[in-house]
Protein backbone atom coordinates (compact mmCIF):
# COMPACT_ATOMS: atom_id res chain seq x y z
CA MET A 1 125.99 101.57 114.81
CA ALA A 2 123.71 98.86 113.66
CA GLY A 3 125.41 95.59 112.91
CA LYS A 4 124.44 91.83 112.97
CA ALA A 5 125.23 91.37 116.72
CA ASP A 6 122.17 93.34 117.25
CA ILE A 7 119.84 90.80 115.52
CA LEU A 8 118.24 89.71 118.82
CA LYS A 9 116.98 93.24 119.35
CA HIS A 10 114.64 92.58 116.10
CA MET A 11 113.77 88.74 116.30
CA ARG A 12 113.73 85.96 118.84
CA ALA A 13 116.67 83.34 118.71
CA LYS A 14 114.03 80.72 117.71
CA HIS A 15 113.02 83.05 114.57
CA VAL A 16 116.84 83.35 113.51
CA GLY A 17 116.87 79.32 113.57
CA VAL A 18 113.71 79.21 111.44
CA PHE A 19 115.11 81.55 108.93
CA LEU A 20 118.36 79.66 108.60
CA SER A 21 116.48 76.50 108.34
CA ALA A 22 114.38 77.78 105.37
CA ALA A 23 117.49 79.23 103.82
CA ARG A 24 119.04 75.74 103.92
CA LEU A 25 116.11 73.91 102.69
CA TYR A 26 115.40 75.94 99.49
CA ASN A 27 118.77 76.87 98.84
CA VAL A 28 118.20 80.78 99.15
CA ALA A 29 119.43 83.99 100.93
CA ILE A 30 116.60 85.56 102.93
CA LEU A 31 116.98 89.20 103.55
CA VAL A 32 114.85 90.48 106.31
CA ARG A 33 114.05 94.14 107.29
CA ARG A 34 114.09 94.75 110.96
CA THR A 35 111.03 95.03 112.63
CA ASN A 36 110.21 97.40 115.55
CA THR A 37 111.99 96.04 118.53
CA ALA A 38 108.86 96.54 120.89
CA SER A 39 106.77 94.45 118.49
CA LEU A 40 108.66 91.36 119.75
CA GLN A 41 106.79 91.32 123.09
CA HIS A 42 103.31 91.02 121.21
CA ILE A 43 104.26 88.20 118.73
CA GLY A 44 102.09 84.98 119.43
CA GLU A 45 100.01 87.02 122.24
CA PRO A 46 96.32 86.45 121.95
CA TYR A 47 95.26 90.09 121.74
CA ALA A 48 97.57 90.87 118.89
CA SER A 49 98.14 90.00 115.14
CA PRO A 50 100.72 90.88 112.66
CA LYS A 51 100.27 93.75 110.11
CA ARG A 52 98.82 92.79 106.84
CA LEU A 53 99.45 94.06 103.28
CA ASP A 54 96.82 96.48 103.52
CA CYS A 55 97.67 98.17 106.86
CA LYS A 56 100.18 100.73 105.87
CA ALA A 57 99.66 102.58 109.38
CA LYS A 58 103.04 102.77 111.66
CA THR A 59 103.78 101.14 115.01
CA ALA A 60 104.86 103.26 118.22
CA ASP A 61 108.34 102.97 119.16
CA PHE A 62 107.54 104.17 122.75
CA ASP A 63 104.69 103.49 125.05
CA VAL A 64 102.74 106.68 125.59
CA ALA A 65 99.31 107.21 127.26
CA PRO A 66 97.03 108.70 124.74
CA ALA A 67 95.37 112.10 125.62
CA GLY A 68 91.95 111.38 127.11
CA CYS A 69 93.23 107.76 128.74
CA ARG A 70 91.32 106.86 131.74
CA VAL A 71 92.86 103.55 132.51
CA PRO A 72 95.11 103.48 135.65
CA GLU A 73 98.65 103.25 135.12
CA ALA A 74 98.98 100.10 136.47
CA LYS A 75 96.45 98.36 134.08
CA ARG A 76 97.25 100.09 131.10
CA ARG A 77 99.03 97.93 128.45
CA SER A 78 102.00 99.02 126.58
CA LEU A 79 101.23 100.48 123.16
CA ALA A 80 104.94 100.27 121.98
CA GLY A 81 105.24 98.14 118.91
CA LEU A 82 101.64 98.37 118.14
CA VAL A 83 99.95 100.17 115.36
CA VAL A 84 98.31 103.30 116.85
CA ASP A 85 96.52 106.45 115.85
CA PRO A 86 99.40 108.96 115.73
CA GLY A 87 97.09 111.90 116.32
CA MET A 88 96.08 110.22 119.71
CA VAL A 89 99.46 109.40 121.11
CA GLY A 90 101.58 112.25 119.43
CA GLU A 91 105.11 112.79 118.76
CA ARG A 92 106.38 111.07 121.82
CA ALA A 93 105.49 107.84 120.60
CA TYR A 94 108.15 107.84 117.91
CA THR A 95 111.71 108.04 117.52
CA ASP A 96 113.21 111.28 115.88
CA GLY A 97 111.73 112.13 112.52
CA LYS A 98 109.28 109.18 112.50
CA TYR A 99 106.21 111.11 113.69
CA THR A 100 105.84 112.96 110.11
CA LYS A 101 106.07 109.71 108.27
CA ALA A 102 103.52 108.16 110.72
CA MET A 103 101.14 111.01 110.09
CA GLU A 104 101.70 110.56 106.35
CA ALA A 105 100.99 106.79 106.55
CA TRP A 106 98.03 107.54 108.63
CA ARG A 107 96.38 109.89 106.16
CA SER A 108 96.42 107.04 103.46
CA PHE A 109 95.34 104.32 106.06
CA ALA A 110 92.35 106.24 107.37
CA THR A 111 90.40 106.03 104.23
CA GLN A 112 89.79 102.45 105.37
CA LEU A 113 88.39 103.29 108.71
CA ARG A 114 84.47 103.59 108.59
CA PRO A 115 83.04 107.04 110.10
CA GLU A 116 80.58 105.23 112.14
CA MET A 117 83.31 104.06 114.19
CA SER A 118 84.87 107.59 114.86
CA SER A 119 83.89 107.75 118.48
CA HIS A 120 83.35 105.70 121.60
CA GLU A 121 79.82 106.77 121.59
CA LYS A 122 79.23 105.43 118.29
CA GLN A 123 80.98 102.34 118.75
CA LYS A 124 78.84 101.32 121.78
CA GLY A 125 75.88 101.15 119.66
CA LEU A 126 77.38 98.71 117.13
CA THR A 127 78.28 94.92 117.02
CA TYR A 128 80.01 94.95 113.72
CA VAL A 129 82.03 97.52 111.94
CA PRO A 130 79.46 98.53 109.42
CA GLY A 131 80.21 97.78 105.72
CA GLY A 132 82.23 94.74 106.27
CA GLY A 133 85.08 96.99 107.60
CA LEU A 134 88.21 94.98 109.20
CA TYR A 135 90.02 97.91 111.06
CA PHE A 136 88.79 100.36 113.52
CA VAL A 137 90.75 102.37 116.43
CA GLU A 138 89.93 101.63 119.95
CA ARG A 139 88.32 104.70 121.24
CA ASN A 140 86.96 103.42 124.77
CA PRO A 141 89.20 105.57 127.12
CA GLU A 142 88.94 102.93 129.65
CA ASP A 143 90.18 100.06 127.49
CA PRO A 144 93.98 99.08 128.11
CA TYR A 145 94.63 99.46 124.15
CA PHE A 146 92.93 102.77 123.96
CA GLY A 147 94.39 104.46 120.80
CA CYS A 148 95.39 101.36 119.18
CA VAL A 149 94.05 100.33 115.55
CA LYS A 150 92.43 96.72 115.76
CA PHE A 151 91.81 94.29 113.10
CA THR A 152 88.90 92.09 113.00
CA ALA A 153 88.66 89.28 110.06
CA SER A 154 84.92 89.01 110.77
CA SER A 155 83.97 92.59 111.27
CA LEU A 156 82.97 91.93 115.08
CA ILE A 157 84.08 94.65 117.05
CA THR A 158 84.70 92.30 120.11
CA ALA A 159 86.95 89.89 117.92
CA GLY A 160 89.36 92.92 117.05
CA LYS A 161 92.85 92.46 117.89
CA CYS A 162 95.83 95.03 118.14
CA ILE A 163 98.58 94.74 115.15
CA HIS A 164 102.03 94.48 115.80
CA GLY A 165 105.04 94.56 113.15
CA ASP A 166 105.51 91.71 110.96
CA PHE A 167 108.62 90.13 109.21
CA ASP A 168 109.07 92.46 106.27
CA LEU A 169 111.06 90.54 103.58
CA TYR A 170 113.67 92.36 101.49
CA GLY A 171 114.61 89.78 99.06
CA ILE A 172 114.85 86.04 98.56
CA VAL A 173 117.92 85.26 96.34
CA ASP A 174 118.17 81.81 94.65
CA MET A 175 121.68 80.82 95.49
CA GLU A 176 121.68 78.72 92.48
CA ALA A 177 121.39 81.60 90.13
CA PRO A 178 122.07 84.75 92.38
CA ALA A 179 122.35 87.42 89.51
CA GLU A 180 118.37 86.39 88.24
CA ILE A 181 115.70 88.58 89.75
CA VAL A 182 112.05 87.37 88.47
CA ARG A 183 108.75 88.53 89.93
CA VAL A 184 104.92 88.35 88.92
CA LYS A 185 102.34 91.04 90.19
CA GLU A 186 98.64 90.23 91.26
CA ASP A 187 95.98 92.13 93.22
CA ARG A 188 95.84 91.05 96.98
CA LEU A 189 93.71 92.71 99.62
CA GLY A 190 93.18 95.42 97.21
CA GLN A 191 96.77 96.32 96.85
CA THR A 192 99.18 95.60 94.02
CA HIS A 193 101.33 92.80 95.37
CA ALA A 194 104.58 91.41 93.60
CA ARG A 195 106.46 88.10 94.76
CA SER A 196 109.18 85.91 93.66
CA PRO A 197 109.46 82.42 92.60
CA LYS A 198 110.22 80.80 96.11
CA PHE A 199 108.08 83.39 98.04
CA PHE A 200 105.27 80.73 98.80
CA ASP A 201 107.70 78.28 100.07
CA VAL A 202 109.44 80.50 102.15
CA GLN A 203 106.29 82.13 103.56
CA ASN A 204 104.72 79.03 104.24
CA PHE A 205 107.77 77.19 105.94
CA VAL A 206 108.45 80.14 107.84
CA ASN A 207 104.98 80.98 109.31
CA SER A 208 104.25 77.45 110.37
CA ARG A 209 107.49 77.02 112.14
CA ILE A 210 107.06 80.28 114.09
CA GLY A 211 103.38 79.66 114.80
CA VAL A 212 102.40 82.92 113.73
CA ALA A 213 101.75 84.29 110.11
CA MET A 214 104.60 86.90 110.34
CA ILE A 215 105.35 87.05 106.50
CA LEU A 216 102.32 88.42 104.77
CA HIS A 217 103.40 89.82 101.42
CA GLY A 218 106.26 89.67 98.89
CA SER A 219 109.67 91.09 99.19
CA GLN A 220 110.75 94.52 98.76
CA GLU A 221 113.13 93.62 95.74
CA THR A 222 109.95 92.71 93.66
CA TYR A 223 108.51 96.24 94.28
CA ALA A 224 111.60 98.57 94.41
CA SER A 225 113.54 100.20 91.44
CA ARG A 226 116.52 101.28 93.74
CA HIS A 227 117.85 100.46 97.21
CA GLU A 228 117.13 102.83 99.95
CA ASP A 229 118.56 103.31 103.49
CA ASP A 230 117.57 100.10 105.55
CA ASP A 231 118.72 97.72 108.01
CA LEU A 232 118.78 94.00 106.79
CA ASP A 233 119.38 90.85 108.43
CA VAL A 234 120.52 88.29 105.86
CA PHE A 235 120.20 84.48 106.05
CA PHE A 236 122.35 82.17 104.26
CA PRO A 237 121.95 78.54 103.30
CA ASP A 238 125.36 77.57 104.53
CA GLY A 239 124.36 78.73 108.13
CA ARG A 240 126.04 82.26 107.86
CA VAL A 241 124.13 85.35 109.28
CA ASP A 242 125.22 88.49 107.93
CA TYR A 243 123.99 92.27 107.99
CA ALA A 244 123.37 94.81 105.19
CA GLY A 245 122.94 98.67 105.75
CA PRO A 246 122.36 101.19 107.13
CA SER A 247 122.65 103.05 104.09
CA ALA A 248 121.60 102.42 100.54
CA ALA A 249 125.08 102.58 99.17
CA ARG A 250 126.04 99.85 101.73
CA ILE A 251 123.37 97.71 100.78
CA GLU A 252 124.14 98.19 97.13
CA ALA A 253 127.96 97.05 98.05
CA PHE A 254 126.59 94.10 99.80
CA TYR A 255 124.50 93.06 96.91
CA GLN A 256 127.50 93.57 94.39
CA ARG A 257 129.78 91.24 96.76
CA GLU A 258 127.23 88.51 97.67
CA PHE A 259 124.94 88.45 94.45
CA PRO A 260 127.22 89.79 91.69
CA GLY A 261 125.06 90.77 88.66
CA ARG A 262 121.73 91.08 90.68
CA THR A 263 120.05 94.40 90.15
CA LEU A 264 116.75 95.82 91.09
CA PHE A 265 113.98 96.17 88.38
CA SER A 266 113.72 99.35 86.54
CA LYS A 267 110.58 101.55 86.89
CA ASP A 268 108.88 100.22 83.91
CA ASP A 269 110.05 96.81 83.66
CA PRO A 270 107.11 94.45 83.08
CA ALA A 271 105.93 91.68 85.53
CA GLN A 272 104.21 88.69 84.71
CA GLN A 273 100.47 89.14 85.58
CA ILE A 274 98.98 86.28 87.39
CA LYS A 275 96.19 84.42 89.27
CA GLY A 276 96.78 81.62 91.58
CA ARG A 277 100.26 80.02 92.75
CA TYR A 278 103.54 81.00 90.95
CA ILE A 279 106.13 78.24 90.70
CA SER A 280 108.96 79.11 88.43
CA PRO A 281 109.38 81.45 85.41
CA GLY A 282 107.73 80.28 81.99
CA THR A 283 105.18 77.81 83.78
CA VAL A 284 102.30 80.10 83.81
């Protein structure tokens, strides 16, 4: 059963220290959803970058050679922890039950992929992803990362990097007023994005200390109307590290114990619409 003793399976010891420092500096409790264990091996590597808000495709749990791969086993790189095309790697790349969810997410994400990049033959004749596209699937069967989704900020194909899991925040709780939950909404990367008052402070601190932009969007609290099953590591300003989960009921009980009076937004609760930085309620 998951618990706080498992934390180093989901982030490095250095990362634990960074989150504790941020919690202490800003007097907040930071709740972090556990990332794919296999993603840790890719963090900070030159061939990979974290998932952005607009990448909804899933990371593989296990390393599987995609059908058609022609890379010798000794030269093939591990796809575990990287975003992949589930149709190429199949069910064996995922833990029980996740393949169906991966396929559902893929159908939504695939609308961002250019048809001109749908085969290796087509890719060979291109220098840039057409139309300013930022994502493509590595379809060269002789590439060590065959089957991986790659991100390129410039659309230059040779600059494409594999994508690993990010640190997905569940909540940032101001310990001076733990019952209060506020948010704003905005458009970011073509997606509706919500965030809380101290999000930018925590994001900038954690990302700069880790050296990789591992926090790329606002917390789950600012989107969700109810708790769901999850595994959360929780960092308190007094240096305590705790665990909440794995069921929605246990997360709800954790909130009632640690943050009495704090409830998630109902489905139709309004949020401030904003452009630019959000500092505190009532200042925009």
